[in-house]
């Protein structure tokens, strides 16, 4: 471990180590790959946001619906 900032995020690896279900980790990897492929060039960011920050429909969706986290409350 070295002092200072990391050159990338390790959130997905931490989630995997924390025991999150494999489909969740795989979905996160898929979304991250898509975002990295379609990232905005730095000069375009100066123009401001032009689209909503949403997950594209062309990414594969999980086979089972997500549990309603607040449904029990």
N, C-alpha and C. Protein backbone atom coordinates (compact mmCIF):
# COMPACT_ATOMS: atom_id res chain seq x y z
N UNK A 1 0.86 -1.18 0.00
CA UNK A 1 0.00 0.00 0.00
C UNK A 1 0.90 1.23 0.00
N UNK A 2 0.57 2.14 -0.89
CA UNK A 2 1.33 3.38 -1.01
C UNK A 2 0.45 4.56 -0.69
N UNK A 3 0.99 5.60 -0.09
CA UNK A 3 0.19 6.80 0.18
C UNK A 3 -0.18 7.49 -1.13
N UNK A 4 -1.32 8.17 -1.13
CA UNK A 4 -1.74 8.92 -2.30
C UNK A 4 -2.97 8.34 -2.95
N UNK A 5 -3.37 8.96 -4.04
CA UNK A 5 -4.59 8.56 -4.75
C UNK A 5 -4.33 7.34 -5.63
N UNK A 6 -5.35 6.54 -5.84
CA UNK A 6 -5.28 5.41 -6.75
C UNK A 6 -5.57 5.89 -8.16
N UNK A 7 -5.08 5.15 -9.14
CA UNK A 7 -5.31 5.55 -10.53
C UNK A 7 -6.64 5.05 -11.08
N UNK A 8 -7.35 4.22 -10.31
CA UNK A 8 -8.68 3.77 -10.71
C UNK A 8 -9.46 3.34 -9.48
N UNK A 9 -10.75 3.09 -9.67
CA UNK A 9 -11.62 2.67 -8.58
C UNK A 9 -11.57 1.15 -8.44
N UNK A 10 -11.64 0.69 -7.22
CA UNK A 10 -11.64 -0.75 -6.96
C UNK A 10 -12.96 -1.20 -6.34
N UNK A 11 -14.01 -0.43 -6.55
CA UNK A 11 -15.31 -0.73 -5.94
C UNK A 11 -15.87 -2.07 -6.32
N UNK A 12 -15.74 -2.46 -7.60
CA UNK A 12 -16.30 -3.74 -8.03
C UNK A 12 -15.53 -4.90 -7.38
N UNK A 13 -14.21 -4.77 -7.29
CA UNK A 13 -13.43 -5.82 -6.64
C UNK A 13 -13.77 -5.91 -5.16
N UNK A 14 -13.98 -4.78 -4.51
CA UNK A 14 -14.36 -4.77 -3.10
C UNK A 14 -15.74 -5.42 -2.92
N UNK A 15 -16.65 -5.13 -3.83
CA UNK A 15 -17.99 -5.73 -3.77
C UNK A 15 -17.89 -7.25 -3.89
N UNK A 16 -17.04 -7.73 -4.79
CA UNK A 16 -16.85 -9.17 -4.97
C UNK A 16 -16.28 -9.78 -3.69
N UNK A 17 -15.25 -9.13 -3.13
CA UNK A 17 -14.64 -9.64 -1.90
C UNK A 17 -15.62 -9.60 -0.72
N UNK A 18 -16.56 -8.64 -0.75
CA UNK A 18 -17.54 -8.52 0.33
C UNK A 18 -18.64 -9.57 0.23
N UNK A 19 -18.65 -10.32 -0.89
CA UNK A 19 -19.62 -11.41 -1.02
C UNK A 19 -20.89 -11.06 -1.76
N UNK A 20 -20.92 -9.95 -2.49
CA UNK A 20 -22.11 -9.66 -3.28
C UNK A 20 -22.33 -10.78 -4.29
N UNK A 21 -23.57 -11.06 -4.64
CA UNK A 21 -23.84 -12.15 -5.58
C UNK A 21 -23.13 -11.94 -6.92
N UNK A 22 -22.68 -13.03 -7.51
CA UNK A 22 -21.93 -12.97 -8.77
C UNK A 22 -22.70 -12.22 -9.86
N UNK A 23 -24.04 -12.42 -10.02
CA UNK A 23 -24.75 -11.67 -11.06
C UNK A 23 -24.68 -10.15 -10.87
N UNK A 24 -24.65 -9.71 -9.62
CA UNK A 24 -24.56 -8.27 -9.33
C UNK A 24 -23.19 -7.74 -9.76
N UNK A 25 -22.14 -8.47 -9.41
CA UNK A 25 -20.79 -8.07 -9.75
C UNK A 25 -20.61 -8.08 -11.27
N UNK A 26 -21.13 -9.10 -11.95
CA UNK A 26 -21.01 -9.18 -13.41
C UNK A 26 -21.77 -8.04 -14.08
N UNK A 27 -22.94 -7.70 -13.56
CA UNK A 27 -23.72 -6.58 -14.12
C UNK A 27 -22.95 -5.27 -13.95
N UNK A 28 -22.34 -5.08 -12.79
CA UNK A 28 -21.54 -3.87 -12.55
C UNK A 28 -20.38 -3.79 -13.53
N UNK A 29 -19.72 -4.92 -13.78
CA UNK A 29 -18.61 -4.94 -14.74
C UNK A 29 -19.10 -4.58 -16.14
N UNK A 30 -20.27 -5.10 -16.51
CA UNK A 30 -20.84 -4.81 -17.82
C UNK A 30 -21.14 -3.32 -17.99
N UNK A 31 -21.73 -2.74 -16.98
CA UNK A 31 -22.06 -1.31 -17.02
C UNK A 31 -20.78 -0.48 -17.06
N UNK A 32 -19.79 -0.84 -16.25
CA UNK A 32 -18.52 -0.12 -16.25
C UNK A 32 -17.85 -0.19 -17.62
N UNK A 33 -17.83 -1.36 -18.23
CA UNK A 33 -17.23 -1.49 -19.56
C UNK A 33 -17.91 -0.59 -20.58
N UNK A 34 -19.25 -0.56 -20.52
CA UNK A 34 -20.00 0.29 -21.44
C UNK A 34 -19.66 1.76 -21.21
N UNK A 35 -19.61 2.17 -19.95
CA UNK A 35 -19.31 3.57 -19.65
C UNK A 35 -17.90 3.94 -20.10
N UNK A 36 -16.96 3.04 -19.91
CA UNK A 36 -15.58 3.32 -20.34
C UNK A 36 -15.49 3.43 -21.86
N UNK A 37 -16.23 2.60 -22.58
CA UNK A 37 -16.22 2.64 -24.04
C UNK A 37 -16.85 3.92 -24.59
N UNK A 38 -17.86 4.40 -23.90
CA UNK A 38 -18.63 5.55 -24.39
C UNK A 38 -18.40 6.80 -23.54
N UNK A 39 -17.24 6.90 -22.92
CA UNK A 39 -16.98 8.06 -22.08
C UNK A 39 -16.88 9.33 -22.92
N UNK A 40 -17.18 10.42 -22.29
CA UNK A 40 -17.17 11.72 -22.95
C UNK A 40 -15.74 12.25 -22.97
N UNK A 41 -15.35 12.81 -24.09
CA UNK A 41 -14.03 13.42 -24.19
C UNK A 41 -13.97 14.64 -23.27
N UNK A 42 -12.81 14.90 -22.66
CA UNK A 42 -12.70 16.03 -21.72
C UNK A 42 -13.17 17.36 -22.29
N UNK A 43 -12.88 17.62 -23.56
CA UNK A 43 -13.30 18.90 -24.14
C UNK A 43 -14.82 19.00 -24.29
N UNK A 44 -15.50 17.87 -24.41
CA UNK A 44 -16.96 17.88 -24.53
C UNK A 44 -17.62 18.17 -23.18
N UNK A 45 -16.95 17.81 -22.10
CA UNK A 45 -17.51 18.05 -20.77
C UNK A 45 -17.67 19.55 -20.50
N UNK A 46 -16.87 20.38 -21.12
CA UNK A 46 -16.94 21.82 -20.90
C UNK A 46 -18.25 22.41 -21.40
N UNK A 47 -18.92 21.71 -22.33
CA UNK A 47 -20.17 22.19 -22.89
C UNK A 47 -21.35 21.94 -21.97
N UNK A 48 -21.18 21.12 -20.96
CA UNK A 48 -22.26 20.84 -20.02
C UNK A 48 -23.00 19.57 -20.38
N UNK A 49 -23.88 19.11 -19.49
CA UNK A 49 -24.61 17.86 -19.75
C UNK A 49 -25.63 18.04 -20.86
N UNK A 50 -25.75 17.03 -21.70
CA UNK A 50 -26.71 17.06 -22.79
C UNK A 50 -27.68 15.88 -22.73
N UNK A 51 -27.38 14.89 -21.92
CA UNK A 51 -28.24 13.72 -21.82
C UNK A 51 -28.35 13.27 -20.38
N UNK A 52 -29.41 12.54 -20.09
CA UNK A 52 -29.58 12.00 -18.74
C UNK A 52 -28.54 10.93 -18.48
N UNK A 53 -28.15 10.78 -17.25
CA UNK A 53 -27.20 9.76 -16.84
C UNK A 53 -27.97 8.47 -16.55
N UNK A 54 -28.18 7.66 -17.59
CA UNK A 54 -28.93 6.43 -17.45
C UNK A 54 -28.14 5.27 -18.02
N UNK A 55 -28.52 4.07 -17.62
CA UNK A 55 -27.91 2.86 -18.16
C UNK A 55 -28.58 2.57 -19.50
N UNK A 56 -27.82 2.38 -20.57
CA UNK A 56 -28.40 2.13 -21.89
C UNK A 56 -29.22 0.86 -21.92
N UNK A 57 -30.24 0.83 -22.79
CA UNK A 57 -31.12 -0.32 -22.92
C UNK A 57 -30.45 -1.50 -23.60
N UNK A 58 -29.35 -1.28 -24.33
CA UNK A 58 -28.73 -2.38 -25.06
C UNK A 58 -27.85 -3.27 -24.19
N UNK A 59 -27.65 -2.91 -22.92
CA UNK A 59 -26.90 -3.78 -22.02
C UNK A 59 -27.81 -4.91 -21.56
N UNK A 60 -27.27 -6.12 -21.42
CA UNK A 60 -28.11 -7.23 -20.97
C UNK A 60 -28.64 -7.00 -19.56
N UNK A 61 -29.88 -7.32 -19.37
CA UNK A 61 -30.53 -7.18 -18.06
C UNK A 61 -30.44 -8.48 -17.29
N UNK A 62 -30.48 -8.41 -15.96
CA UNK A 62 -30.45 -9.63 -15.16
C UNK A 62 -31.64 -10.52 -15.48
N UNK A 63 -31.46 -11.82 -15.30
CA UNK A 63 -32.51 -12.80 -15.59
C UNK A 63 -33.66 -12.69 -14.61
N UNK A 64 -33.38 -12.34 -13.36
CA UNK A 64 -34.42 -12.25 -12.35
C UNK A 64 -34.64 -10.79 -11.97
N UNK A 65 -35.86 -10.42 -11.68
CA UNK A 65 -36.11 -9.02 -11.29
C UNK A 65 -35.46 -8.71 -9.94
N UNK A 66 -35.06 -7.47 -9.79
CA UNK A 66 -34.44 -7.05 -8.55
C UNK A 66 -35.47 -7.02 -7.44
N UNK A 67 -35.05 -7.49 -6.30
CA UNK A 67 -35.94 -7.50 -5.14
C UNK A 67 -36.27 -6.06 -4.75
N UNK A 68 -37.51 -5.81 -4.41
CA UNK A 68 -37.91 -4.48 -3.96
C UNK A 68 -37.41 -4.29 -2.54
N UNK A 69 -36.35 -3.51 -2.41
CA UNK A 69 -35.67 -3.34 -1.13
C UNK A 69 -36.59 -2.79 -0.05
N UNK A 70 -37.50 -1.90 -0.43
CA UNK A 70 -38.33 -1.25 0.57
C UNK A 70 -39.74 -1.84 0.63
N UNK A 71 -39.98 -2.88 -0.11
CA UNK A 71 -41.30 -3.49 -0.15
C UNK A 71 -41.78 -4.04 1.18
N UNK A 72 -40.85 -4.42 2.02
CA UNK A 72 -41.22 -5.02 3.30
C UNK A 72 -41.52 -3.97 4.38
N UNK A 73 -41.20 -2.71 4.12
CA UNK A 73 -41.33 -1.70 5.17
C UNK A 73 -42.60 -0.93 5.10
